[in-house]
Amino acid sequence: MANEALREMAEHRGFKLVASRRRKPGGDFGKFGLKDADGEPVFGIEKDALRASADEIEAFLRDGTRATWAKSAGSAKRAKTPPAPKPVKAKPRPRFKVKAANLLEKLPAAKRAEAFTELVSRPGVRLERIVSRGQATPEGEPMVQDADEWVLLLEGAAGIRIEDSVEVSLAPGDHLLIEAGRKHWVTWAAKDRATVWLALHLG
């Protein structure tokens, strides 16, 4: 690199290029050095003698440029990488389909006789729906069961009598327990609308 170009490169970096012109034996002709703005030796100057070649000066200046650029680049704030979105967990597929039914919909007519529909049957437990429309138990044919029976009136109106007791009138929401072996009678049921019972047999 020509001395003039090397000098401009040094000035651009804030240095002053010093070149030797002495040709005496043992001198430093063809050597260079660098001083800072205050005249203090920076590179290639030892005991007031120039020691660096043009290539060494150029390499120093280029390395200094690289170091300055790297320092500047390193000081720049890096944009934060947004966190990866959390994977959306797929909802588990249902293993079975729930089939719901309504006890008060699509009721049988039950005009000639009461209609019995078994809802649940398990060992020791049986649940059924009974639909009445004006039916009553004949006095000489009382109902008697081997297991306790819990009865709930869901809709309509009816009367019931249990052995050794008086008749009881039932409205929606009323319930009672009929013990096993106890005679009982449905004394009347509404004729103008369906009367719906829920009967739970235990044992």
N, C-alpha and C. Protein backbone atom coordinates (compact mmCIF):
# COMPACT_ATOMS: atom_id res chain seq x y z
N MET A 1 0.86 -1.19 0.00
CA MET A 1 0.00 0.00 0.00
C MET A 1 0.89 1.23 0.00
N ALA A 2 0.61 2.24 -0.84
CA ALA A 2 1.40 3.46 -0.93
C ALA A 2 1.34 4.20 0.39
N ASN A 3 2.42 4.96 0.66
CA ASN A 3 2.50 5.66 1.94
C ASN A 3 1.33 6.62 2.14
N GLU A 4 0.91 7.28 1.07
CA GLU A 4 -0.17 8.26 1.19
C GLU A 4 -1.47 7.59 1.61
N ALA A 5 -1.75 6.45 0.99
CA ALA A 5 -2.96 5.72 1.34
C ALA A 5 -2.88 5.21 2.77
N LEU A 6 -1.70 4.75 3.19
CA LEU A 6 -1.51 4.27 4.54
C LEU A 6 -1.69 5.41 5.55
N ARG A 7 -1.22 6.61 5.15
CA ARG A 7 -1.35 7.78 6.02
C ARG A 7 -2.83 8.15 6.21
N GLU A 8 -3.60 8.11 5.09
CA GLU A 8 -5.03 8.44 5.16
C GLU A 8 -5.78 7.42 6.04
N MET A 9 -5.37 6.16 5.91
CA MET A 9 -6.00 5.12 6.71
C MET A 9 -5.72 5.36 8.19
N ALA A 10 -4.48 5.76 8.52
CA ALA A 10 -4.12 6.02 9.91
C ALA A 10 -4.90 7.22 10.44
N GLU A 11 -5.01 8.27 9.63
CA GLU A 11 -5.74 9.46 10.07
C GLU A 11 -7.22 9.14 10.30
N HIS A 12 -7.73 8.31 9.44
CA HIS A 12 -9.14 7.93 9.60
C HIS A 12 -9.37 7.20 10.94
N ARG A 13 -8.36 6.50 11.41
CA ARG A 13 -8.45 5.80 12.69
C ARG A 13 -8.01 6.69 13.86
N GLY A 14 -7.62 7.95 13.58
CA GLY A 14 -7.24 8.87 14.65
C GLY A 14 -5.77 8.79 15.02
N PHE A 15 -4.95 8.19 14.12
CA PHE A 15 -3.52 8.07 14.38
C PHE A 15 -2.72 8.94 13.40
N LYS A 16 -1.46 9.12 13.76
CA LYS A 16 -0.54 9.81 12.87
C LYS A 16 0.54 8.83 12.42
N LEU A 17 0.69 8.70 11.09
CA LEU A 17 1.68 7.77 10.55
C LEU A 17 3.06 8.44 10.55
N VAL A 18 4.02 7.74 11.11
CA VAL A 18 5.40 8.24 11.12
C VAL A 18 6.23 7.33 10.22
N ALA A 19 6.91 7.93 9.23
CA ALA A 19 7.72 7.15 8.29
C ALA A 19 9.17 7.60 8.40
N SER A 20 10.08 6.62 8.30
CA SER A 20 11.51 6.94 8.43
C SER A 20 12.08 7.30 7.07
N ARG A 21 13.03 8.27 7.07
CA ARG A 21 13.71 8.65 5.84
C ARG A 21 15.23 8.47 5.99
N ARG A 22 15.64 7.95 7.13
CA ARG A 22 17.08 7.80 7.37
C ARG A 22 17.60 6.53 6.69
N ARG A 23 18.69 6.67 5.97
CA ARG A 23 19.25 5.55 5.24
C ARG A 23 20.58 5.08 5.82
N LYS A 24 20.98 5.62 6.94
CA LYS A 24 22.29 5.26 7.47
C LYS A 24 22.29 3.80 7.90
N PRO A 25 23.48 3.18 7.93
CA PRO A 25 23.56 1.77 8.33
C PRO A 25 22.92 1.55 9.70
N GLY A 26 22.10 0.47 9.75
CA GLY A 26 21.42 0.16 11.02
C GLY A 26 20.24 1.05 11.31
N GLY A 27 19.93 1.91 10.33
CA GLY A 27 18.81 2.82 10.53
C GLY A 27 17.47 2.11 10.31
N ASP A 28 16.43 2.91 10.34
CA ASP A 28 15.07 2.36 10.22
C ASP A 28 14.39 2.77 8.93
N PHE A 29 15.14 2.90 7.87
CA PHE A 29 14.58 3.31 6.59
C PHE A 29 13.54 2.27 6.13
N GLY A 30 12.42 2.76 5.66
CA GLY A 30 11.35 1.87 5.18
C GLY A 30 10.45 1.35 6.28
N LYS A 31 10.71 1.81 7.49
CA LYS A 31 9.87 1.36 8.61
C LYS A 31 8.88 2.46 9.00
N PHE A 32 7.87 2.04 9.73
CA PHE A 32 6.79 2.97 10.08
C PHE A 32 6.40 2.78 11.55
N GLY A 33 5.71 3.79 12.04
CA GLY A 33 5.13 3.70 13.38
C GLY A 33 3.86 4.54 13.45
N LEU A 34 3.14 4.38 14.53
CA LEU A 34 1.90 5.13 14.71
C LEU A 34 1.93 5.85 16.05
N LYS A 35 1.47 7.10 16.02
CA LYS A 35 1.31 7.87 17.24
C LYS A 35 -0.14 8.30 17.36
N ASP A 36 -0.58 8.54 18.63
CA ASP A 36 -1.95 9.01 18.81
C ASP A 36 -2.01 10.51 18.66
N ALA A 37 -3.17 11.09 18.93
CA ALA A 37 -3.36 12.53 18.74
C ALA A 37 -2.48 13.35 19.66
N ASP A 38 -2.05 12.78 20.78
CA ASP A 38 -1.19 13.51 21.71
C ASP A 38 0.29 13.30 21.42
N GLY A 39 0.59 12.54 20.35
CA GLY A 39 1.98 12.31 20.00
C GLY A 39 2.61 11.15 20.72
N GLU A 40 1.84 10.37 21.43
CA GLU A 40 2.37 9.23 22.16
C GLU A 40 2.45 8.02 21.23
N PRO A 41 3.56 7.22 21.32
CA PRO A 41 3.70 6.03 20.48
C PRO A 41 2.55 5.04 20.74
N VAL A 42 2.04 4.47 19.66
CA VAL A 42 0.95 3.50 19.76
C VAL A 42 1.39 2.15 19.23
N PHE A 43 2.07 2.15 18.07
CA PHE A 43 2.46 0.89 17.45
C PHE A 43 3.67 1.13 16.55
N GLY A 44 4.61 0.18 16.63
CA GLY A 44 5.75 0.20 15.72
C GLY A 44 6.86 1.14 16.09
N ILE A 45 6.83 1.70 17.31
CA ILE A 45 7.87 2.63 17.73
C ILE A 45 8.48 2.12 19.02
N GLU A 46 9.80 1.88 19.02
CA GLU A 46 10.50 1.42 20.19
C GLU A 46 11.78 2.23 20.36
N LYS A 47 11.89 2.90 21.51
CA LYS A 47 13.09 3.70 21.82
C LYS A 47 13.36 4.68 20.70
N ASP A 48 12.31 5.36 20.28
CA ASP A 48 12.36 6.39 19.25
C ASP A 48 12.77 5.85 17.89
N ALA A 49 12.79 4.52 17.73
CA ALA A 49 13.12 3.92 16.44
C ALA A 49 11.86 3.28 15.88
N LEU A 50 11.69 3.37 14.55
CA LEU A 50 10.53 2.77 13.88
C LEU A 50 10.82 1.31 13.58
N ARG A 51 9.87 0.42 13.88
CA ARG A 51 10.11 -1.01 13.77
C ARG A 51 9.11 -1.74 12.85
N ALA A 52 7.98 -1.11 12.47
CA ALA A 52 6.92 -1.82 11.76
C ALA A 52 6.99 -1.59 10.26
N SER A 53 6.70 -2.65 9.52
CA SER A 53 6.63 -2.51 8.07
C SER A 53 5.28 -1.93 7.68
N ALA A 54 5.16 -1.56 6.40
CA ALA A 54 3.88 -1.01 5.91
C ALA A 54 2.77 -2.04 6.05
N ASP A 55 3.11 -3.30 5.76
CA ASP A 55 2.08 -4.36 5.89
C ASP A 55 1.63 -4.51 7.34
N GLU A 56 2.57 -4.41 8.29
CA GLU A 56 2.22 -4.54 9.70
C GLU A 56 1.35 -3.37 10.16
N ILE A 57 1.68 -2.16 9.69
CA ILE A 57 0.85 -1.00 10.01
C ILE A 57 -0.56 -1.18 9.46
N GLU A 58 -0.65 -1.63 8.21
CA GLU A 58 -1.96 -1.83 7.58
C GLU A 58 -2.77 -2.89 8.34
N ALA A 59 -2.09 -3.98 8.70
CA ALA A 59 -2.78 -5.05 9.44
C ALA A 59 -3.28 -4.54 10.79
N PHE A 60 -2.44 -3.73 11.47
CA PHE A 60 -2.84 -3.18 12.75
C PHE A 60 -4.08 -2.31 12.61
N LEU A 61 -4.03 -1.43 11.58
CA LEU A 61 -5.17 -0.53 11.38
C LEU A 61 -6.44 -1.31 11.01
N ARG A 62 -6.28 -2.32 10.17
CA ARG A 62 -7.46 -3.11 9.78
C ARG A 62 -8.01 -3.91 10.96
N ASP A 63 -7.10 -4.50 11.75
CA ASP A 63 -7.54 -5.25 12.93
C ASP A 63 -8.24 -4.33 13.92
N GLY A 64 -7.71 -3.12 14.05
CA GLY A 64 -8.34 -2.16 14.95
C GLY A 64 -9.74 -1.79 14.47
N THR A 65 -9.87 -1.68 13.13
CA THR A 65 -11.19 -1.38 12.57
C THR A 65 -12.16 -2.50 12.87
N ARG A 66 -11.68 -3.75 12.69
CA ARG A 66 -12.52 -4.91 12.97
C ARG A 66 -12.92 -4.95 14.44
N ALA A 67 -11.94 -4.68 15.32
CA ALA A 67 -12.22 -4.74 16.75
C ALA A 67 -13.26 -3.69 17.13
N THR A 68 -13.11 -2.47 16.54
CA THR A 68 -14.06 -1.41 16.84
C THR A 68 -15.45 -1.79 16.36
N TRP A 69 -15.53 -2.36 15.15
CA TRP A 69 -16.84 -2.76 14.60
C TRP A 69 -17.46 -3.87 15.46
N ALA A 70 -16.63 -4.85 15.87
CA ALA A 70 -17.15 -5.95 16.69
C ALA A 70 -17.66 -5.44 18.02
N LYS A 71 -16.94 -4.48 18.61
CA LYS A 71 -17.36 -3.92 19.89
C LYS A 71 -18.68 -3.19 19.73
N SER A 72 -18.80 -2.43 18.63
CA SER A 72 -20.02 -1.69 18.37
C SER A 72 -21.19 -2.63 18.14
N ALA A 73 -20.94 -3.68 17.35
CA ALA A 73 -22.01 -4.63 17.06
C ALA A 73 -22.42 -5.37 18.32
N GLY A 74 -21.45 -5.69 19.17
CA GLY A 74 -21.77 -6.41 20.39
C GLY A 74 -22.56 -5.58 21.38
N SER A 75 -22.37 -4.25 21.30
CA SER A 75 -23.09 -3.39 22.24
C SER A 75 -24.52 -3.13 21.82
N ALA A 76 -24.85 -3.45 20.58
CA ALA A 76 -26.23 -3.23 20.12
C ALA A 76 -27.17 -4.21 20.82
N LYS A 77 -28.31 -3.70 21.19
CA LYS A 77 -29.27 -4.55 21.88
C LYS A 77 -29.93 -5.49 20.89
N ARG A 78 -29.93 -6.73 21.23
CA ARG A 78 -30.59 -7.70 20.38
C ARG A 78 -32.07 -7.79 20.74
N ALA A 79 -32.87 -7.88 19.72
CA ALA A 79 -34.31 -8.01 19.95
C ALA A 79 -34.59 -9.34 20.63
N LYS A 80 -35.42 -9.27 21.64
CA LYS A 80 -35.76 -10.49 22.35
C LYS A 80 -36.60 -11.41 21.48
N THR A 81 -36.21 -12.64 21.47
CA THR A 81 -36.98 -13.62 20.71
C THR A 81 -38.24 -13.96 21.49
N PRO A 82 -39.40 -13.78 20.88
CA PRO A 82 -40.64 -14.09 21.62
C PRO A 82 -40.70 -15.57 21.96
N PRO A 83 -41.23 -15.89 23.12
CA PRO A 83 -41.32 -17.31 23.51
C PRO A 83 -42.20 -18.08 22.55
N ALA A 84 -41.82 -19.32 22.35
CA ALA A 84 -42.61 -20.18 21.47
C ALA A 84 -43.99 -20.39 22.06
N PRO A 85 -45.01 -20.35 21.24
CA PRO A 85 -46.37 -20.56 21.78
C PRO A 85 -46.51 -21.95 22.37
N LYS A 86 -47.24 -21.99 23.48
CA LYS A 86 -47.47 -23.28 24.12
C LYS A 86 -48.38 -24.14 23.26
N PRO A 87 -48.01 -25.40 23.12
CA PRO A 87 -48.87 -26.27 22.30
C PRO A 87 -50.25 -26.41 22.91
N VAL A 88 -51.23 -26.33 22.04
CA VAL A 88 -52.62 -26.47 22.49
C VAL A 88 -52.95 -27.95 22.64
N LYS A 89 -53.36 -28.29 23.85
CA LYS A 89 -53.70 -29.68 24.11
C LYS A 89 -55.06 -30.00 23.51
N ALA A 90 -55.07 -31.03 22.74
CA ALA A 90 -56.32 -31.44 22.13
C ALA A 90 -57.25 -32.03 23.19
N LYS A 91 -58.51 -31.68 23.09
CA LYS A 91 -59.47 -32.22 24.04
C LYS A 91 -59.63 -33.71 23.81
N PRO A 92 -59.65 -34.47 24.89
CA PRO A 92 -59.81 -35.93 24.71
C PRO A 92 -61.14 -36.26 24.07
N ARG A 93 -61.11 -37.21 23.19
CA ARG A 93 -62.34 -37.62 22.52
C ARG A 93 -63.20 -38.42 23.49
N PRO A 94 -64.50 -38.14 23.52
CA PRO A 94 -65.37 -38.88 24.45
C PRO A 94 -65.39 -40.36 24.13
N ARG A 95 -65.41 -41.17 25.20
CA ARG A 95 -65.39 -42.62 25.03
C ARG A 95 -66.78 -43.19 24.77
N PHE A 96 -67.78 -42.44 25.21
CA PHE A 96 -69.13 -42.92 24.96
C PHE A 96 -70.07 -41.72 24.87
N LYS A 97 -71.22 -41.94 24.30
CA LYS A 97 -72.21 -40.89 24.12
C LYS A 97 -73.28 -41.03 25.18
N VAL A 98 -73.52 -39.92 25.90
CA VAL A 98 -74.54 -39.92 26.94
C VAL A 98 -75.91 -39.76 26.29
N LYS A 99 -76.80 -40.64 26.64
CA LYS A 99 -78.16 -40.59 26.12
C LYS A 99 -79.10 -40.20 27.25
N ALA A 100 -79.61 -38.98 27.19
CA ALA A 100 -80.50 -38.49 28.23
C ALA A 100 -81.96 -38.73 27.83
N ALA A 101 -82.79 -38.94 28.83
CA ALA A 101 -84.23 -39.13 28.61
C ALA A 101 -85.00 -38.34 29.66
N ASN A 102 -86.26 -38.08 29.37
CA ASN A 102 -87.11 -37.31 30.28
C ASN A 102 -88.26 -38.19 30.77
N LEU A 103 -88.41 -38.28 32.08
CA LEU A 103 -89.44 -39.15 32.67
C LEU A 103 -90.86 -38.68 32.37
N LEU A 104 -91.01 -37.41 32.01
CA LEU A 104 -92.35 -36.84 31.83
C LEU A 104 -92.73 -36.64 30.36
N GLU A 105 -91.86 -37.05 29.45
CA GLU A 105 -92.15 -36.92 28.03
C GLU A 105 -92.60 -38.26 27.45
N LYS A 106 -93.47 -38.19 26.44
CA LYS A 106 -93.97 -39.36 25.72
C LYS A 106 -94.53 -40.41 26.69
N LEU A 107 -95.39 -39.95 27.56
CA LEU A 107 -95.99 -40.85 28.55
C LEU A 107 -97.00 -41.80 27.88
N PRO A 108 -97.02 -43.04 28.31
CA PRO A 108 -98.04 -43.96 27.79
C PRO A 108 -99.44 -43.50 28.21
N ALA A 109 -100.45 -43.87 27.42
CA ALA A 109 -101.82 -43.43 27.71
C ALA A 109 -102.33 -43.96 29.05
N ALA A 110 -102.02 -45.22 29.36
CA ALA A 110 -102.42 -45.85 30.64
C ALA A 110 -103.91 -45.70 30.93
N LYS A 111 -104.75 -45.81 29.90
CA LYS A 111 -106.19 -45.65 30.11
C LYS A 111 -106.81 -46.93 30.66
N ARG A 112 -106.38 -48.08 30.22
CA ARG A 112 -106.97 -49.34 30.68
C ARG A 112 -106.28 -49.87 31.93
N ALA A 113 -104.96 -49.69 32.01
CA ALA A 113 -104.21 -50.20 33.17
C ALA A 113 -102.97 -49.35 33.36
N GLU A 114 -102.44 -49.42 34.57
CA GLU A 114 -101.21 -48.68 34.85
C GLU A 114 -100.07 -49.18 33.95
N ALA A 115 -99.18 -48.27 33.56
CA ALA A 115 -98.04 -48.62 32.70
C ALA A 115 -96.75 -48.59 33.52
N PHE A 116 -96.00 -49.69 33.50
CA PHE A 116 -94.76 -49.83 34.26
C PHE A 116 -93.56 -49.81 33.31
N THR A 117 -92.59 -48.98 33.59
CA THR A 117 -91.38 -48.90 32.78
C THR A 117 -90.17 -49.03 33.69
N GLU A 118 -89.36 -50.07 33.50
CA GLU A 118 -88.16 -50.26 34.32
C GLU A 118 -87.07 -49.32 33.83
N LEU A 119 -86.50 -48.57 34.75
CA LEU A 119 -85.46 -47.60 34.42
C LEU A 119 -84.06 -48.11 34.75
N VAL A 120 -83.90 -48.69 35.91
CA VAL A 120 -82.60 -49.20 36.36
C VAL A 120 -82.83 -50.51 37.10
N SER A 121 -81.98 -51.49 36.83
CA SER A 121 -82.06 -52.76 37.56
C SER A 121 -80.66 -53.23 37.89
N ARG A 122 -80.37 -53.34 39.18
CA ARG A 122 -79.08 -53.82 39.67
C ARG A 122 -79.36 -54.80 40.81
N PRO A 123 -78.39 -55.63 41.15
CA PRO A 123 -78.62 -56.55 42.28
C PRO A 123 -79.07 -55.81 43.52
N GLY A 124 -80.27 -56.12 44.00
CA GLY A 124 -80.78 -55.49 45.21
C GLY A 124 -81.47 -54.17 45.01
N VAL A 125 -81.48 -53.66 43.76
CA VAL A 125 -82.09 -52.35 43.50
C VAL A 125 -82.83 -52.40 42.16
N ARG A 126 -84.05 -51.86 42.16
CA ARG A 126 -84.79 -51.75 40.91
C ARG A 126 -85.59 -50.45 40.94
N LEU A 127 -85.46 -49.67 39.87
CA LEU A 127 -86.14 -48.37 39.79
C LEU A 127 -87.09 -48.41 38.60
N GLU A 128 -88.35 -48.00 38.83
CA GLU A 128 -89.31 -48.01 37.74
C GLU A 128 -90.20 -46.79 37.79
N ARG A 129 -90.73 -46.47 36.60
CA ARG A 129 -91.71 -45.40 36.49
C ARG A 129 -93.08 -46.04 36.32
N ILE A 130 -94.07 -45.50 37.04
CA ILE A 130 -95.44 -46.00 36.94
C ILE A 130 -96.33 -44.83 36.50
N VAL A 131 -97.15 -45.07 35.47
CA VAL A 131 -98.08 -44.05 34.99
C VAL A 131 -99.50 -44.54 35.24
N SER A 132 -100.28 -43.75 35.97
CA SER A 132 -101.68 -44.08 36.28
C SER A 132 -102.59 -43.03 35.65
N ARG A 133 -103.83 -43.45 35.37
CA ARG A 133 -104.85 -42.50 34.90
C ARG A 133 -106.22 -42.99 35.40
N GLY A 134 -106.51 -42.65 36.63
CA GLY A 134 -107.80 -43.00 37.22
C GLY A 134 -107.87 -44.38 37.84
N GLN A 135 -106.80 -45.17 37.82
CA GLN A 135 -106.85 -46.53 38.38
C GLN A 135 -106.83 -46.49 39.92
N ALA A 136 -107.37 -47.56 40.52
CA ALA A 136 -107.36 -47.75 41.97
C ALA A 136 -107.22 -49.23 42.27
N THR A 137 -106.61 -49.54 43.41
CA THR A 137 -106.41 -50.94 43.81
C THR A 137 -107.71 -51.49 44.42
N PRO A 138 -108.23 -52.64 43.91
CA PRO A 138 -109.44 -53.22 44.52
C PRO A 138 -109.22 -53.50 46.00
N GLU A 139 -110.23 -53.27 46.80
CA GLU A 139 -110.11 -53.44 48.25
C GLU A 139 -109.71 -54.85 48.62
N GLY A 140 -110.23 -55.84 47.90
CA GLY A 140 -109.90 -57.22 48.24
C GLY A 140 -108.62 -57.73 47.61
N GLU A 141 -107.91 -56.87 46.87
CA GLU A 141 -106.66 -57.30 46.21
C GLU A 141 -105.53 -56.33 46.54
N PRO A 142 -105.18 -56.19 47.80
CA PRO A 142 -104.10 -55.25 48.17
C PRO A 142 -102.75 -55.68 47.57
N MET A 143 -101.90 -54.70 47.40
CA MET A 143 -100.53 -54.98 46.91
C MET A 143 -99.65 -55.30 48.11
N VAL A 144 -98.82 -56.35 47.97
CA VAL A 144 -97.88 -56.75 49.01
C VAL A 144 -96.56 -57.10 48.32
N GLN A 145 -95.45 -56.58 48.81
CA GLN A 145 -94.16 -56.81 48.17
C GLN A 145 -93.15 -57.38 49.15
N ASP A 146 -92.18 -58.11 48.59
CA ASP A 146 -91.17 -58.77 49.42
C ASP A 146 -90.05 -57.82 49.85
N ALA A 147 -89.97 -56.65 49.23
CA ALA A 147 -88.88 -55.70 49.53
C ALA A 147 -89.48 -54.34 49.89
N ASP A 148 -88.69 -53.54 50.58
CA ASP A 148 -89.13 -52.17 50.86
C ASP A 148 -89.28 -51.41 49.54
N GLU A 149 -90.24 -50.48 49.49
CA GLU A 149 -90.47 -49.69 48.29
C GLU A 149 -90.58 -48.22 48.67
N TRP A 150 -89.75 -47.42 48.03
CA TRP A 150 -89.81 -45.96 48.23
C TRP A 150 -90.53 -45.37 47.03
N VAL A 151 -91.55 -44.57 47.27
CA VAL A 151 -92.39 -44.04 46.20
C VAL A 151 -92.36 -42.52 46.22
N LEU A 152 -92.21 -41.92 45.00
CA LEU A 152 -92.21 -40.47 44.83
C LEU A 152 -93.24 -40.13 43.76
N LEU A 153 -94.12 -39.18 44.05
CA LEU A 153 -95.09 -38.74 43.05
C LEU A 153 -94.49 -37.57 42.28
N LEU A 154 -94.31 -37.75 40.97
CA LEU A 154 -93.69 -36.72 40.14
C LEU A 154 -94.71 -35.76 39.54
N GLU A 155 -95.85 -36.29 39.17
CA GLU A 155 -96.84 -35.46 38.48
C GLU A 155 -98.23 -36.04 38.70
N GLY A 156 -99.25 -35.19 38.73
CA GLY A 156 -100.61 -35.65 38.92
C GLY A 156 -101.01 -35.61 40.39
N ALA A 157 -101.94 -36.50 40.78
CA ALA A 157 -102.42 -36.56 42.16
C ALA A 157 -102.98 -37.95 42.41
N ALA A 158 -102.85 -38.42 43.64
CA ALA A 158 -103.33 -39.76 43.98
C ALA A 158 -103.51 -39.88 45.49
N GLY A 159 -104.19 -40.96 45.89
CA GLY A 159 -104.33 -41.28 47.30
C GLY A 159 -103.79 -42.67 47.55
N ILE A 160 -103.21 -42.91 48.71
CA ILE A 160 -102.65 -44.21 49.04
C ILE A 160 -102.95 -44.53 50.51
N ARG A 161 -103.21 -45.79 50.73
CA ARG A 161 -103.47 -46.23 52.11
C ARG A 161 -102.60 -47.44 52.42
N ILE A 162 -101.94 -47.40 53.53
CA ILE A 162 -101.10 -48.52 53.97
C ILE A 162 -101.82 -49.21 55.13
N GLU A 163 -101.66 -50.51 55.19
CA GLU A 163 -102.32 -51.32 56.22
C GLU A 163 -102.18 -50.68 57.61
N ASP A 164 -103.31 -50.66 58.36
CA ASP A 164 -103.37 -50.11 59.72
C ASP A 164 -103.12 -48.60 59.75
N SER A 165 -103.40 -47.90 58.62
CA SER A 165 -103.25 -46.43 58.60
C SER A 165 -104.40 -45.83 57.81
N VAL A 166 -104.48 -44.53 57.84
CA VAL A 166 -105.53 -43.83 57.09
C VAL A 166 -104.98 -43.45 55.71
N GLU A 167 -105.88 -43.10 54.82
CA GLU A 167 -105.49 -42.68 53.46
C GLU A 167 -104.69 -41.39 53.50
N VAL A 168 -103.71 -41.32 52.62
CA VAL A 168 -102.86 -40.13 52.48
C VAL A 168 -102.99 -39.62 51.05
N SER A 169 -103.24 -38.33 50.86
CA SER A 169 -103.29 -37.72 49.53
C SER A 169 -101.88 -37.23 49.15
N LEU A 170 -101.51 -37.53 47.93
CA LEU A 170 -100.15 -37.19 47.45
C LEU A 170 -100.23 -36.17 46.32
N ALA A 171 -99.33 -35.20 46.36
CA ALA A 171 -99.17 -34.19 45.31
C ALA A 171 -97.73 -34.28 44.79
N PRO A 172 -97.43 -33.65 43.64
CA PRO A 172 -96.07 -33.72 43.10
C PRO A 172 -95.01 -33.33 44.14
N GLY A 173 -94.02 -34.21 44.29
CA GLY A 173 -92.95 -33.98 45.27
C GLY A 173 -93.12 -34.78 46.54
N ASP A 174 -94.34 -35.28 46.80
CA ASP A 174 -94.56 -36.09 48.01
C ASP A 174 -93.98 -37.49 47.82
N HIS A 175 -93.43 -38.04 48.90
CA HIS A 175 -92.87 -39.39 48.82
C HIS A 175 -93.09 -40.10 50.15
N LEU A 176 -93.00 -41.42 50.11
CA LEU A 176 -93.18 -42.21 51.34
C LEU A 176 -92.52 -43.57 51.15
N LEU A 177 -92.33 -44.29 52.27
CA LEU A 177 -91.69 -45.61 52.26
C LEU A 177 -92.74 -46.65 52.66
N ILE A 178 -92.85 -47.68 51.84
CA ILE A 178 -93.75 -48.80 52.14
C ILE A 178 -92.87 -49.99 52.51
N GLU A 179 -92.99 -50.46 53.74
CA GLU A 179 -92.12 -51.53 54.21
C GLU A 179 -92.49 -52.86 53.56
N ALA A 180 -91.52 -53.74 53.49
CA ALA A 180 -91.75 -55.06 52.90
C ALA A 180 -92.83 -55.80 53.67
N GLY A 181 -93.72 -56.53 52.90
CA GLY A 181 -94.76 -57.33 53.52
C GLY A 181 -95.97 -56.54 53.99
N ARG A 182 -95.96 -55.22 53.83
CA ARG A 182 -97.05 -54.37 54.30
C ARG A 182 -98.09 -54.21 53.17
N LYS A 183 -99.34 -54.55 53.44
CA LYS A 183 -100.41 -54.38 52.46
C LYS A 183 -100.65 -52.89 52.22
N HIS A 184 -100.93 -52.54 50.95
CA HIS A 184 -101.21 -51.14 50.64
C HIS A 184 -102.09 -51.06 49.39
N TRP A 185 -102.80 -49.92 49.28
CA TRP A 185 -103.74 -49.71 48.19
C TRP A 185 -103.56 -48.30 47.61
N VAL A 186 -103.64 -48.19 46.29
CA VAL A 186 -103.81 -46.88 45.65
C VAL A 186 -105.32 -46.65 45.64
N THR A 187 -105.78 -45.74 46.45
CA THR A 187 -107.24 -45.56 46.63
C THR A 187 -107.87 -44.77 45.49
N TRP A 188 -107.09 -43.90 44.87
CA TRP A 188 -107.60 -43.15 43.71
C TRP A 188 -106.42 -42.49 42.98
N ALA A 189 -106.61 -42.12 41.73
CA ALA A 189 -105.64 -41.38 40.94
C ALA A 189 -106.39 -40.42 40.04
N ALA A 190 -105.80 -39.30 39.73
CA ALA A 190 -106.46 -38.29 38.90
C ALA A 190 -106.88 -38.90 37.57
N LYS A 191 -108.10 -38.54 37.12
CA LYS A 191 -108.62 -39.09 35.87
C LYS A 191 -108.41 -38.12 34.70
N ASP A 192 -108.25 -36.84 35.00
CA ASP A 192 -108.16 -35.83 33.94
C ASP A 192 -106.73 -35.64 33.42
N ARG A 193 -105.78 -36.28 34.07
CA ARG A 193 -104.37 -36.15 33.65
C ARG A 193 -103.58 -37.34 34.14
N ALA A 194 -102.39 -37.53 33.59
CA ALA A 194 -101.55 -38.66 34.00
C ALA A 194 -100.95 -38.41 35.36
N THR A 195 -100.91 -39.47 36.15
CA THR A 195 -100.21 -39.42 37.44
C THR A 195 -98.95 -40.28 37.29
N VAL A 196 -97.79 -39.66 37.55
CA VAL A 196 -96.50 -40.32 37.31
C VAL A 196 -95.82 -40.58 38.65
N TRP A 197 -95.50 -41.87 38.88
CA TRP A 197 -94.81 -42.30 40.09
C TRP A 197 -93.39 -42.72 39.75
N LEU A 198 -92.51 -42.55 40.74
CA LEU A 198 -91.16 -43.13 40.67
C LEU A 198 -91.04 -44.08 41.84
N ALA A 199 -90.86 -45.38 41.57
CA ALA A 199 -90.83 -46.39 42.62
C ALA A 199 -89.46 -47.04 42.68
N LEU A 200 -88.85 -47.01 43.86
CA LEU A 200 -87.53 -47.62 44.07
C LEU A 200 -87.70 -48.83 44.97
N HIS A 201 -87.41 -50.02 44.43
CA HIS A 201 -87.54 -51.28 45.17
C HIS A 201 -86.16 -51.64 45.73
N LEU A 202 -86.09 -51.86 47.03
CA LEU A 202 -84.82 -52.13 47.72
C LEU A 202 -84.79 -53.56 48.24
N GLY A 203 -83.82 -54.31 47.81
CA GLY A 203 -83.69 -55.67 48.30
C GLY A 203 -84.19 -56.71 47.31
